Amino acid sequence: MAEEEVKATTAAETTVEASAPKAKAAKKGKRIVNSGQVHIQATFNNTIISVTDKTGAVLAASSAGANGFRGSKKGTAFAAGVAAEKALDYAKKNHALNSVDVYVSGIGLGRDAAVRAVSTVGIKIDSITDVTPIAHGGVRPKGERKP
């Protein structure tokens, strides 16, 4: 009988050990980044702003849709400015961002408004680069070759 009691207690102990929460990984501290990059993707339907460090690791991101704009209002210049202010304000407060290089992609209405929002937040702009892809001839069209 004593043997059965010992087995019962060990079984109960193992279930308690198995259900105990595992140790969590230590949370990373906030990184201080003095200079970074702002990537603006401006389409006709939305504007997406990503604030990164020099290596490309994202510090903050926002879009017109994430700020409550719906439908055709997402593609407006005002929505792009609001989205840019939100992302840049977060990066400035939490990561001490001082200066940025701006990379603009796309042909939407929010291009200029998002760039203006960078300076209104109080972040120094080092350079502005347009990285919109430009078609140059493209692929060979379907069909027979003309003589």
C-alpha atoms as a PDB file:
ATOM      1  CA  MET A   1       0.000   0.000   0.000  1.00  0.00           C
ATOM      2  CA  ALA A   2       2.792   2.403   0.789  1.00  0.00           C
ATOM      3  CA  GLU A   3       4.146   1.775  -2.666  1.00  0.00           C
ATOM      4  CA  GLU A   4       0.830   2.800  -4.261  1.00  0.00           C
ATOM      5  CA  GLU A   5       0.776   6.052  -2.262  1.00  0.00           C
ATOM      6  CA  VAL A   6       4.280   6.905  -3.435  1.00  0.00           C
ATOM      7  CA  LYS A   7       3.288   6.306  -7.068  1.00  0.00           C
ATOM      8  CA  ALA A   8       0.182   8.482  -6.646  1.00  0.00           C
ATOM      9  CA  THR A   9       2.140  11.393  -5.193  1.00  0.00           C
ATOM     10  CA  THR A  10       4.795  11.239  -7.890  1.00  0.00           C
ATOM     11  CA  ALA A  11       2.117  11.229 -10.583  1.00  0.00           C
ATOM     12  CA  ALA A  12       0.495  14.297  -8.998  1.00  0.00           C
ATOM     13  CA  GLU A  13       3.846  16.091  -8.753  1.00  0.00           C
ATOM     14  CA  THR A  14       4.660  15.469 -12.404  1.00  0.00           C
ATOM     15  CA  THR A  15       1.339  16.905 -13.542  1.00  0.00           C
ATOM     16  CA  VAL A  16       1.958  20.032 -11.490  1.00  0.00           C
ATOM     17  CA  GLU A  17       5.434  20.428 -12.982  1.00  0.00           C
ATOM     18  CA  ALA A  18       4.111  19.950 -16.509  1.00  0.00           C
ATOM     19  CA  SER A  19       1.421  22.604 -16.092  1.00  0.00           C
ATOM     20  CA  ALA A  20       3.794  25.198 -14.616  1.00  0.00           C
ATOM     21  CA  PRO A  21       4.404  28.125 -17.004  1.00  0.00           C
ATOM     22  CA  LYS A  22       7.723  28.134 -18.819  1.00  0.00           C
ATOM     23  CA  ALA A  23      10.165  30.972 -18.303  1.00  0.00           C
ATOM     24  CA  LYS A  24       9.559  33.787 -20.809  1.00  0.00           C
ATOM     25  CA  ALA A  25      12.350  35.160 -22.939  1.00  0.00           C
ATOM     26  CA  ALA A  26      13.688  38.479 -21.721  1.00  0.00           C
ATOM     27  CA  LYS A  27      12.107  41.433 -23.544  1.00  0.00           C
ATOM     28  CA  LYS A  28      14.443  43.534 -25.621  1.00  0.00           C
ATOM     29  CA  GLY A  29      14.996  47.094 -24.467  1.00  0.00           C
ATOM     30  CA  LYS A  30      14.063  50.058 -26.648  1.00  0.00           C
ATOM     31  CA  ARG A  31      16.730  50.753 -29.233  1.00  0.00           C
ATOM     32  CA  ILE A  32      18.039  54.279 -29.592  1.00  0.00           C
ATOM     33  CA  VAL A  33      18.406  55.137 -33.275  1.00  0.00           C
ATOM     34  CA  ASN A  34      19.628  58.629 -34.190  1.00  0.00           C
ATOM     35  CA  SER A  35      19.281  58.346 -37.959  1.00  0.00           C
ATOM     36  CA  GLY A  36      17.033  56.123 -40.012  1.00  0.00           C
ATOM     37  CA  GLN A  37      14.991  55.765 -43.162  1.00  0.00           C
ATOM     38  CA  VAL A  38      11.369  56.514 -44.027  1.00  0.00           C
ATOM     39  CA  HIS A  39       9.856  54.385 -46.786  1.00  0.00           C
ATOM     40  CA  ILE A  40       6.666  55.821 -48.302  1.00  0.00           C
ATOM     41  CA  GLN A  41       4.603  53.641 -50.618  1.00  0.00           C
ATOM     42  CA  ALA A  42       1.920  55.814 -52.182  1.00  0.00           C
ATOM     43  CA  THR A  43      -0.685  54.064 -54.320  1.00  0.00           C
ATOM     44  CA  PHE A  44      -4.006  55.366 -55.565  1.00  0.00           C
ATOM     45  CA  ASN A  45      -5.831  53.341 -52.913  1.00  0.00           C
ATOM     46  CA  ASN A  46      -3.634  53.688 -49.810  1.00  0.00           C
ATOM     47  CA  THR A  47      -0.400  55.132 -48.430  1.00  0.00           C
ATOM     48  CA  ILE A  48       1.920  53.002 -46.280  1.00  0.00           C
ATOM     49  CA  ILE A  49       4.722  54.541 -44.215  1.00  0.00           C
ATOM     50  CA  SER A  50       7.506  52.440 -42.651  1.00  0.00           C
ATOM     51  CA  VAL A  51      10.197  53.943 -40.431  1.00  0.00           C
ATOM     52  CA  THR A  52      13.346  51.808 -40.320  1.00  0.00           C
ATOM     53  CA  ASP A  53      16.892  52.003 -39.041  1.00  0.00           C
ATOM     54  CA  LYS A  54      19.830  52.106 -41.479  1.00  0.00           C
ATOM     55  CA  THR A  55      19.885  48.302 -41.823  1.00  0.00           C
ATOM     56  CA  GLY A  56      16.175  48.118 -42.736  1.00  0.00           C
ATOM     57  CA  ALA A  57      14.745  46.819 -39.445  1.00  0.00           C
ATOM     58  CA  VAL A  58      11.297  48.369 -38.987  1.00  0.00           C
ATOM     59  CA  LEU A  59      10.882  50.672 -35.983  1.00  0.00           C
ATOM     60  CA  ALA A  60       7.347  51.921 -36.703  1.00  0.00           C
ATOM     61  CA  ALA A  61       4.788  51.562 -39.450  1.00  0.00           C
ATOM     62  CA  SER A  62       1.417  53.078 -40.239  1.00  0.00           C
ATOM     63  CA  SER A  63      -1.005  53.412 -43.115  1.00  0.00           C
ATOM     64  CA  ALA A  64      -4.043  55.459 -43.997  1.00  0.00           C
ATOM     65  CA  GLY A  65      -6.268  52.418 -43.483  1.00  0.00           C
ATOM     66  CA  ALA A  66      -4.810  51.760 -40.030  1.00  0.00           C
ATOM     67  CA  ASN A  67      -5.756  55.305 -38.990  1.00  0.00           C
ATOM     68  CA  GLY A  68      -9.466  54.863 -39.608  1.00  0.00           C
ATOM     69  CA  PHE A  69      -9.767  56.024 -43.202  1.00  0.00           C
ATOM     70  CA  ARG A  70     -11.948  53.752 -45.309  1.00  0.00           C
ATOM     71  CA  GLY A  71     -12.673  53.381 -48.996  1.00  0.00           C
ATOM     72  CA  SER A  72     -11.579  56.115 -51.360  1.00  0.00           C
ATOM     73  CA  LYS A  73     -10.555  58.382 -48.442  1.00  0.00           C
ATOM     74  CA  LYS A  74      -7.482  56.174 -47.868  1.00  0.00           C
ATOM     75  CA  GLY A  75      -5.896  57.444 -51.065  1.00  0.00           C
ATOM     76  CA  THR A  76      -6.100  61.148 -50.140  1.00  0.00           C
ATOM     77  CA  ALA A  77      -3.206  63.418 -49.233  1.00  0.00           C
ATOM     78  CA  PHE A  78      -4.724  64.204 -45.821  1.00  0.00           C
ATOM     79  CA  ALA A  79      -4.858  60.523 -44.876  1.00  0.00           C
ATOM     80  CA  ALA A  80      -1.221  60.103 -45.927  1.00  0.00           C
ATOM     81  CA  GLY A  81      -0.182  63.039 -43.748  1.00  0.00           C
ATOM     82  CA  VAL A  82      -2.002  61.620 -40.719  1.00  0.00           C
ATOM     83  CA  ALA A  83      -0.415  58.190 -41.240  1.00  0.00           C
ATOM     84  CA  ALA A  84       3.068  59.667 -41.600  1.00  0.00           C
ATOM     85  CA  GLU A  85       2.694  61.817 -38.488  1.00  0.00           C
ATOM     86  CA  LYS A  86       1.594  58.841 -36.422  1.00  0.00           C
ATOM     87  CA  ALA A  87       4.470  56.580 -37.510  1.00  0.00           C
ATOM     88  CA  LEU A  88       7.111  59.284 -37.185  1.00  0.00           C
ATOM     89  CA  ASP A  89       5.823  60.508 -33.827  1.00  0.00           C
ATOM     90  CA  TYR A  90       6.073  56.965 -32.450  1.00  0.00           C
ATOM     91  CA  ALA A  91       9.602  56.537 -33.818  1.00  0.00           C
ATOM     92  CA  LYS A  92      10.707  59.904 -32.421  1.00  0.00           C
ATOM     93  CA  LYS A  93       9.336  59.274 -28.924  1.00  0.00           C
ATOM     94  CA  ASN A  94      10.306  55.621 -28.517  1.00  0.00           C
ATOM     95  CA  HIS A  95      13.529  55.414 -30.529  1.00  0.00           C
ATOM     96  CA  ALA A  96      14.870  59.021 -30.369  1.00  0.00           C
ATOM     97  CA  LEU A  97      14.932  59.392 -34.158  1.00  0.00           C
ATOM     98  CA  ASN A  98      16.537  62.707 -35.239  1.00  0.00           C
ATOM     99  CA  SER A  99      17.269  62.537 -38.972  1.00  0.00           C
ATOM    100  CA  VAL A 100      16.025  60.401 -41.840  1.00  0.00           C
ATOM    101  CA  ASP A 101      16.551  59.579 -45.488  1.00  0.00           C
ATOM    102  CA  VAL A 102      13.194  59.472 -47.287  1.00  0.00           C
ATOM    103  CA  TYR A 103      12.484  56.901 -50.006  1.00  0.00           C
ATOM    104  CA  VAL A 104       9.271  57.490 -51.971  1.00  0.00           C
ATOM    105  CA  SER A 105       7.702  54.814 -54.141  1.00  0.00           C
ATOM    106  CA  GLY A 106       4.506  55.039 -56.149  1.00  0.00           C
ATOM    107  CA  ILE A 107       2.391  57.659 -57.868  1.00  0.00           C
ATOM    108  CA  GLY A 108      -0.403  58.255 -55.362  1.00  0.00           C
ATOM    109  CA  LEU A 109      -1.686  61.533 -53.963  1.00  0.00           C
ATOM    110  CA  GLY A 110       0.020  61.003 -50.599  1.00  0.00           C
ATOM    111  CA  ARG A 111       3.599  61.350 -51.833  1.00  0.00           C
ATOM    112  CA  ASP A 112       4.126  65.021 -51.065  1.00  0.00           C
ATOM    113  CA  ALA A 113       1.898  65.138 -47.995  1.00  0.00           C
ATOM    114  CA  ALA A 114       3.806  62.314 -46.322  1.00  0.00           C
ATOM    115  CA  VAL A 115       7.158  64.004 -46.991  1.00  0.00           C
ATOM    116  CA  ARG A 116       5.824  67.289 -45.570  1.00  0.00           C
ATOM    117  CA  ALA A 117       4.629  65.449 -42.461  1.00  0.00           C
ATOM    118  CA  VAL A 118       8.205  64.321 -41.757  1.00  0.00           C
ATOM    119  CA  SER A 119       9.340  67.917 -41.330  1.00  0.00           C
ATOM    120  CA  THR A 120       6.282  68.956 -39.302  1.00  0.00           C
ATOM    121  CA  VAL A 121       7.062  66.277 -36.697  1.00  0.00           C
ATOM    122  CA  GLY A 122      10.484  67.878 -36.254  1.00  0.00           C
ATOM    123  CA  ILE A 123      12.722  65.266 -37.858  1.00  0.00           C
ATOM    124  CA  LYS A 124      15.540  66.476 -40.116  1.00  0.00           C
ATOM    125  CA  ILE A 125      15.418  65.204 -43.709  1.00  0.00           C
ATOM    126  CA  ASP A 126      18.882  64.322 -45.054  1.00  0.00           C
ATOM    127  CA  SER A 127      17.802  63.224 -48.535  1.00  0.00           C
ATOM    128  CA  ILE A 128      14.706  62.418 -50.578  1.00  0.00           C
ATOM    129  CA  THR A 129      14.969  59.629 -53.154  1.00  0.00           C
ATOM    130  CA  ASP A 130      12.324  58.494 -55.618  1.00  0.00           C
ATOM    131  CA  VAL A 131      12.512  54.711 -56.032  1.00  0.00           C
ATOM    132  CA  THR A 132       9.407  54.283 -58.191  1.00  0.00           C
ATOM    133  CA  PRO A 133      10.034  51.511 -60.729  1.00  0.00           C
ATOM    134  CA  ILE A 134       9.990  52.670 -64.350  1.00  0.00           C
ATOM    135  CA  ALA A 135       9.119  50.301 -67.199  1.00  0.00           C
ATOM    136  CA  HIS A 136      11.759  50.190 -69.931  1.00  0.00           C
ATOM    137  CA  GLY A 137      10.553  48.144 -72.880  1.00  0.00           C
ATOM    138  CA  GLY A 138       9.106  45.248 -70.922  1.00  0.00           C
ATOM    139  CA  VAL A 139       8.820  41.659 -72.075  1.00  0.00           C
ATOM    140  CA  ARG A 140       8.248  40.483 -75.618  1.00  0.00           C
ATOM    141  CA  PRO A 141       4.537  40.680 -76.507  1.00  0.00           C
ATOM    142  CA  LYS A 142       2.515  37.545 -77.169  1.00  0.00           C
ATOM    143  CA  GLY A 143       2.058  36.313 -80.705  1.00  0.00           C
ATOM    144  CA  GLU A 144       4.038  35.755 -83.838  1.00  0.00           C
ATOM    145  CA  ARG A 145       7.030  37.848 -84.681  1.00  0.00           C
ATOM    146  CA  LYS A 146       6.349  40.374 -87.429  1.00  0.00           C
ATOM    147  CA  PRO A 147       8.534  40.046 -90.579  1.00  0.00           C
END
